[in-house]
Amino acid sequence: MQRIATALGLALGLGFVLQSAQSPIKPMSFSNRLLLNRAAVSGVTTLEVMLALAPNAIAETSRRVEHAGGRILYTDAAVGYARASVPTEKLIEIVSHSAVEAYQIASGSRGSWYRDGPPQSNAEMYRGVERVIPDVRPRLDQSPERPSLSATRASGPRTPRKDGRN
């Protein structure tokens, strides 16, 4: 009985290790978690996501996105970037692949800032700090590079410039 339990434990442990090796767990950032939760609660069916990809992984990632029911909106092979529209329920499956080095959900990202509003600490950060008002008056140059013209020379005949313009 002891041998069976040990063998079963080793088999389960080995299965867990193999599963972990196939799809490494990538932690989700707070902003991505917030946007994904809002999309799920709101019933949003597709998300736009920006993907930073491993070198030469655009074709493979495009196939994976299309196989999951999404579509590629834009790619830039020079920097390994893709923007894709993916089904909300397939996001984790797509971004957990080893070809995806980083990602950011773009859908609703700007809206979340305006809905939540900036923290109160931003509004109070510089209260009570003395401010210096810059001197914005232009300074007149008191020593011109060219000598001043006399009244007679200034009212005299004009000579044309060498380049033909007047």
Protein backbone atom coordinates (compact mmCIF):
# COMPACT_ATOMS: atom_id res chain seq x y z
CA MET A 1 0.00 0.00 0.00
CA GLN A 2 2.90 2.33 0.84
CA ARG A 3 4.44 1.68 -2.60
CA ILE A 4 1.20 2.47 -4.40
CA ALA A 5 0.81 5.77 -2.54
CA THR A 6 4.44 6.70 -3.27
CA ALA A 7 4.07 5.79 -6.96
CA LEU A 8 0.84 7.75 -7.20
CA GLY A 9 2.45 10.76 -5.53
CA LEU A 10 5.43 10.62 -7.91
CA ALA A 11 3.14 10.32 -10.93
CA LEU A 12 1.08 13.31 -9.85
CA GLY A 13 4.21 15.31 -9.10
CA LEU A 14 5.73 14.44 -12.47
CA GLY A 15 2.49 15.37 -14.23
CA PHE A 16 2.43 18.73 -12.47
CA VAL A 17 6.06 19.41 -13.43
CA LEU A 18 5.40 18.50 -17.07
CA GLN A 19 2.29 20.70 -17.16
CA SER A 20 4.25 23.59 -15.65
CA ALA A 21 7.02 23.16 -18.22
CA GLN A 22 4.55 23.33 -21.10
CA SER A 23 2.81 26.53 -20.02
CA PRO A 24 4.84 28.66 -17.62
CA ILE A 25 2.76 30.66 -15.21
CA LYS A 26 3.12 34.38 -15.87
CA PRO A 27 1.89 36.71 -13.18
CA MET A 28 -0.71 39.22 -14.33
CA SER A 29 -0.11 42.88 -13.55
CA PHE A 30 -2.59 44.77 -11.41
CA SER A 31 -3.73 46.96 -14.30
CA ASN A 32 -4.30 43.93 -16.55
CA ARG A 33 -6.21 42.14 -13.78
CA LEU A 34 -8.36 45.23 -13.20
CA LEU A 35 -9.15 45.58 -16.93
CA LEU A 36 -9.85 41.86 -17.34
CA ASN A 37 -12.17 41.83 -14.33
CA ARG A 38 -14.07 44.86 -15.61
CA ALA A 39 -14.39 43.30 -19.07
CA ALA A 40 -15.70 40.05 -17.57
CA VAL A 41 -18.21 41.81 -15.32
CA SER A 42 -19.37 44.11 -18.14
CA GLY A 43 -19.83 41.18 -20.53
CA VAL A 44 -17.21 42.36 -23.04
CA THR A 45 -16.67 39.50 -25.49
CA THR A 46 -13.39 40.63 -27.10
CA LEU A 47 -10.35 42.45 -25.79
CA GLU A 48 -7.70 44.36 -27.66
CA VAL A 49 -4.28 43.39 -26.35
CA MET A 50 -0.75 44.59 -27.13
CA LEU A 51 1.82 41.79 -27.28
CA ALA A 52 5.60 41.98 -26.97
CA LEU A 53 6.82 38.83 -28.69
CA ALA A 54 9.97 36.78 -28.76
CA PRO A 55 12.13 37.21 -31.88
CA ASN A 56 10.59 35.63 -34.99
CA ALA A 57 7.39 34.63 -33.16
CA ILE A 58 4.86 36.76 -35.04
CA ALA A 59 3.75 34.01 -37.44
CA GLU A 60 3.32 31.46 -34.65
CA THR A 61 1.46 33.93 -32.44
CA SER A 62 -0.79 34.95 -35.34
CA ARG A 63 -1.76 31.32 -35.86
CA ARG A 64 -2.48 30.86 -32.16
CA VAL A 65 -4.61 34.03 -31.99
CA GLU A 66 -6.62 33.07 -35.09
CA HIS A 67 -7.03 29.49 -33.83
CA ALA A 68 -8.47 30.89 -30.56
CA GLY A 69 -11.02 32.96 -32.50
CA GLY A 70 -9.21 36.29 -32.50
CA ARG A 71 -7.53 38.34 -35.19
CA ILE A 72 -4.29 40.26 -35.58
CA LEU A 73 -4.83 44.00 -36.01
CA TYR A 74 -1.23 45.19 -36.47
CA THR A 75 2.28 43.73 -36.41
CA ASP A 76 5.78 45.15 -36.44
CA ALA A 77 8.34 42.41 -36.99
CA ALA A 78 11.31 44.73 -36.44
CA VAL A 79 10.46 45.15 -32.75
CA GLY A 80 8.43 41.98 -32.18
CA TYR A 81 5.12 43.73 -31.55
CA ALA A 82 1.56 42.66 -32.33
CA ARG A 83 -1.81 44.15 -31.50
CA ALA A 84 -4.62 41.62 -31.48
CA SER A 85 -8.32 41.37 -30.80
CA VAL A 86 -8.94 38.21 -28.77
CA PRO A 87 -11.96 36.61 -27.10
CA THR A 88 -12.02 37.55 -23.42
CA GLU A 89 -12.16 33.94 -22.24
CA LYS A 90 -9.10 33.01 -24.39
CA LEU A 91 -6.81 35.82 -23.19
CA ILE A 92 -4.97 33.75 -20.57
CA GLU A 93 -4.44 30.90 -23.04
CA ILE A 94 -2.88 33.25 -25.62
CA VAL A 95 -0.64 35.30 -23.33
CA SER A 96 0.63 32.30 -21.35
CA HIS A 97 2.46 30.94 -24.41
CA SER A 98 6.26 31.18 -24.29
CA ALA A 99 6.35 33.34 -27.45
CA VAL A 100 4.58 36.17 -25.58
CA GLU A 101 7.16 37.95 -23.46
CA ALA A 102 4.85 40.71 -22.16
CA TYR A 103 1.35 41.99 -22.78
CA GLN A 104 -0.97 44.83 -21.90
CA ILE A 105 -4.74 44.93 -22.30
CA ALA A 106 -5.63 48.02 -24.33
CA SER A 107 -9.45 47.80 -24.18
CA GLY A 108 -10.80 50.24 -21.64
CA SER A 109 -7.37 51.10 -20.27
CA ARG A 110 -7.89 54.82 -20.62
CA GLY A 111 -11.44 54.59 -19.34
CA SER A 112 -10.34 52.95 -16.12
CA TRP A 113 -8.17 55.94 -15.21
CA TYR A 114 -10.99 58.43 -15.71
CA ARG A 115 -13.54 56.24 -13.95
CA ASP A 116 -11.39 55.71 -10.89
CA GLY A 117 -9.93 59.20 -10.87
CA PRO A 118 -6.43 60.07 -9.76
CA PRO A 119 -5.52 59.35 -6.15
CA GLN A 120 -6.04 62.08 -3.57
CA SER A 121 -2.29 62.15 -2.93
CA ASN A 122 -1.75 63.55 -6.45
CA ALA A 123 -3.98 66.51 -5.66
CA GLU A 124 -2.27 67.24 -2.34
CA MET A 125 1.31 66.46 -3.36
CA TYR A 126 2.54 70.03 -3.83
CA ARG A 127 0.27 71.90 -1.43
CA GLY A 128 2.20 74.11 0.89
CA VAL A 129 5.30 74.09 -1.29
CA GLU A 130 6.56 77.54 -2.14
CA ARG A 131 6.39 78.27 -5.82
CA VAL A 132 8.79 80.41 -7.76
CA ILE A 133 7.26 82.55 -10.45
CA PRO A 134 9.64 82.69 -13.40
CA ASP A 135 10.71 86.04 -14.83
CA VAL A 136 9.18 85.94 -18.30
CA ARG A 137 9.97 89.52 -19.36
CA PRO A 138 12.32 89.58 -22.35
CA ARG A 139 15.73 91.05 -21.72
CA LEU A 140 16.79 93.72 -24.14
CA ASP A 141 20.29 93.46 -25.46
CA GLN A 142 22.05 96.69 -24.49
CA SER A 143 25.13 96.06 -26.63
CA PRO A 144 24.11 95.41 -30.24
CA GLU A 145 26.55 93.59 -32.48
CA ARG A 146 26.33 96.20 -35.25
CA PRO A 147 26.94 99.90 -34.77
CA SER A 148 23.93 102.21 -34.87
CA LEU A 149 23.25 104.07 -38.12
CA SER A 150 23.27 107.82 -38.18
CA ALA A 151 20.12 109.61 -39.29
CA THR A 152 21.69 110.76 -42.56
CA ARG A 153 22.96 107.31 -43.45
CA ALA A 154 19.64 105.69 -42.56
CA SER A 155 17.68 108.11 -44.79
CA GLY A 156 20.17 107.86 -47.64
CA PRO A 157 19.90 105.72 -50.75
CA ARG A 158 19.67 102.01 -50.34
CA THR A 159 22.16 99.74 -51.99
CA PRO A 160 20.94 96.38 -53.29
CA ARG A 161 22.10 93.21 -51.58
CA LYS A 162 24.56 90.89 -53.26
CA ASP A 163 21.99 88.09 -53.54
CA GLY A 164 19.60 90.31 -55.56
CA ARG A 165 16.91 90.55 -52.90
CA ASN A 166 15.79 93.99 -51.60
